[in-house]
């Protein structure tokens, strides 16, 4: 893994890895600063990703959203 250099992958790490973001919202009553997960504070939460998408759909989303660095909706359109 490597961070991009001038917006591109360095030669030592030529494969683009998609950036995934997961947003969860919980209804909370009381002071949200006191919210704790069984694993600890909120930053201890994690998720797992299993790629089971059709290859053509994944390529479309990489082409239309990830490579141009565009925020796309859940349907994969900008």
C-alpha atoms as a PDB file:
ATOM      1  CA  UNK A   1       0.000   0.000   0.000  1.00  0.00           C
ATOM      2  CA  UNK A   2       1.122   3.507  -0.762  1.00  0.00           C
ATOM      3  CA  UNK A   3      -0.370   6.977  -0.863  1.00  0.00           C
ATOM      4  CA  UNK A   4      -0.718   8.632  -4.293  1.00  0.00           C
ATOM      5  CA  UNK A   5       2.006  10.952  -5.494  1.00  0.00           C
ATOM      6  CA  UNK A   6       0.693  13.973  -7.418  1.00  0.00           C
ATOM      7  CA  UNK A   7      -2.660  12.191  -7.768  1.00  0.00           C
ATOM      8  CA  UNK A   8      -1.207   8.994  -9.265  1.00  0.00           C
ATOM      9  CA  UNK A   9       0.081   5.661  -8.033  1.00  0.00           C
ATOM     10  CA  UNK A  10       3.867   5.544  -7.651  1.00  0.00           C
ATOM     11  CA  UNK A  11       5.669   3.094  -9.954  1.00  0.00           C
ATOM     12  CA  UNK A  12       6.392   0.839  -6.972  1.00  0.00           C
ATOM     13  CA  UNK A  13       2.626   0.443  -6.305  1.00  0.00           C
ATOM     14  CA  UNK A  14       0.820   0.664  -9.675  1.00  0.00           C
ATOM     15  CA  UNK A  15      -2.568  -0.814  -8.677  1.00  0.00           C
ATOM     16  CA  UNK A  16      -5.370   1.568  -7.643  1.00  0.00           C
ATOM     17  CA  UNK A  17      -7.294   0.462  -4.563  1.00  0.00           C
ATOM     18  CA  UNK A  18     -10.840   1.821  -4.323  1.00  0.00           C
ATOM     19  CA  UNK A  19     -11.648   4.013  -1.342  1.00  0.00           C
ATOM     20  CA  UNK A  20     -14.706   2.768   0.460  1.00  0.00           C
ATOM     21  CA  UNK A  21     -16.626   4.742   3.029  1.00  0.00           C
ATOM     22  CA  UNK A  22     -19.332   3.404   5.248  1.00  0.00           C
ATOM     23  CA  UNK A  23     -21.579   5.759   7.195  1.00  0.00           C
ATOM     24  CA  UNK A  24     -23.766   4.409   9.987  1.00  0.00           C
ATOM     25  CA  UNK A  25     -26.264   6.435  11.950  1.00  0.00           C
ATOM     26  CA  UNK A  26     -27.807   5.288  15.200  1.00  0.00           C
ATOM     27  CA  UNK A  27     -30.726   6.941  16.979  1.00  0.00           C
ATOM     28  CA  UNK A  28     -29.292   8.030  20.322  1.00  0.00           C
ATOM     29  CA  UNK A  29     -30.970   9.573  23.320  1.00  0.00           C
ATOM     30  CA  UNK A  30     -28.870  11.392  25.877  1.00  0.00           C
ATOM     31  CA  UNK A  31     -25.285  12.581  25.482  1.00  0.00           C
ATOM     32  CA  UNK A  32     -23.684  10.994  22.348  1.00  0.00           C
ATOM     33  CA  UNK A  33     -20.235  11.725  23.808  1.00  0.00           C
ATOM     34  CA  UNK A  34     -20.956   8.979  26.339  1.00  0.00           C
ATOM     35  CA  UNK A  35     -21.749   6.390  23.642  1.00  0.00           C
ATOM     36  CA  UNK A  36     -19.482   3.332  23.788  1.00  0.00           C
ATOM     37  CA  UNK A  37     -19.353   0.192  21.653  1.00  0.00           C
ATOM     38  CA  UNK A  38     -18.556  -3.211  23.092  1.00  0.00           C
ATOM     39  CA  UNK A  39     -15.101  -2.779  21.490  1.00  0.00           C
ATOM     40  CA  UNK A  40     -14.586   0.661  23.075  1.00  0.00           C
ATOM     41  CA  UNK A  41     -14.973   4.220  21.733  1.00  0.00           C
ATOM     42  CA  UNK A  42     -16.603   4.848  18.334  1.00  0.00           C
ATOM     43  CA  UNK A  43     -13.291   4.813  16.456  1.00  0.00           C
ATOM     44  CA  UNK A  44     -12.843   1.108  17.312  1.00  0.00           C
ATOM     45  CA  UNK A  45     -15.695   0.112  14.980  1.00  0.00           C
ATOM     46  CA  UNK A  46     -14.701  -1.608  11.737  1.00  0.00           C
ATOM     47  CA  UNK A  47     -16.326  -3.379   8.814  1.00  0.00           C
ATOM     48  CA  UNK A  48     -15.287  -6.130   6.443  1.00  0.00           C
ATOM     49  CA  UNK A  49     -15.590  -6.011   2.661  1.00  0.00           C
ATOM     50  CA  UNK A  50     -16.179  -8.968   0.377  1.00  0.00           C
ATOM     51  CA  UNK A  51     -16.024  -8.195  -3.325  1.00  0.00           C
ATOM     52  CA  UNK A  52     -18.836 -10.078  -5.025  1.00  0.00           C
ATOM     53  CA  UNK A  53     -19.853  -7.453  -7.581  1.00  0.00           C
ATOM     54  CA  UNK A  54     -20.098  -8.294 -11.277  1.00  0.00           C
ATOM     55  CA  UNK A  55     -16.773  -7.325 -12.889  1.00  0.00           C
ATOM     56  CA  UNK A  56     -18.398  -4.996 -15.453  1.00  0.00           C
ATOM     57  CA  UNK A  57     -20.209  -3.043 -12.716  1.00  0.00           C
ATOM     58  CA  UNK A  58     -17.057  -2.706 -10.625  1.00  0.00           C
ATOM     59  CA  UNK A  59     -15.101  -1.474 -13.667  1.00  0.00           C
ATOM     60  CA  UNK A  60     -17.843   1.088 -14.423  1.00  0.00           C
ATOM     61  CA  UNK A  61     -17.718   2.465 -10.889  1.00  0.00           C
ATOM     62  CA  UNK A  62     -13.919   2.580 -10.908  1.00  0.00           C
ATOM     63  CA  UNK A  63     -14.011   4.382 -14.280  1.00  0.00           C
ATOM     64  CA  UNK A  64     -16.830   6.806 -13.431  1.00  0.00           C
ATOM     65  CA  UNK A  65     -16.239   7.493  -9.727  1.00  0.00           C
ATOM     66  CA  UNK A  66     -12.870   6.398  -8.391  1.00  0.00           C
ATOM     67  CA  UNK A  67     -10.436   7.363 -11.162  1.00  0.00           C
ATOM     68  CA  UNK A  68     -11.880  10.869 -11.656  1.00  0.00           C
ATOM     69  CA  UNK A  69     -12.239  11.198  -7.828  1.00  0.00           C
ATOM     70  CA  UNK A  70     -15.976  11.909  -8.022  1.00  0.00           C
ATOM     71  CA  UNK A  71     -18.381  11.289  -5.149  1.00  0.00           C
ATOM     72  CA  UNK A  72     -21.022   8.910  -6.488  1.00  0.00           C
ATOM     73  CA  UNK A  73     -24.358   7.854  -5.036  1.00  0.00           C
ATOM     74  CA  UNK A  74     -25.353   4.372  -3.932  1.00  0.00           C
ATOM     75  CA  UNK A  75     -26.335   3.565  -7.530  1.00  0.00           C
ATOM     76  CA  UNK A  76     -22.794   4.363  -8.722  1.00  0.00           C
ATOM     77  CA  UNK A  77     -23.652   7.521 -10.632  1.00  0.00           C
ATOM     78  CA  UNK A  78     -22.101  10.949  -9.950  1.00  0.00           C
END
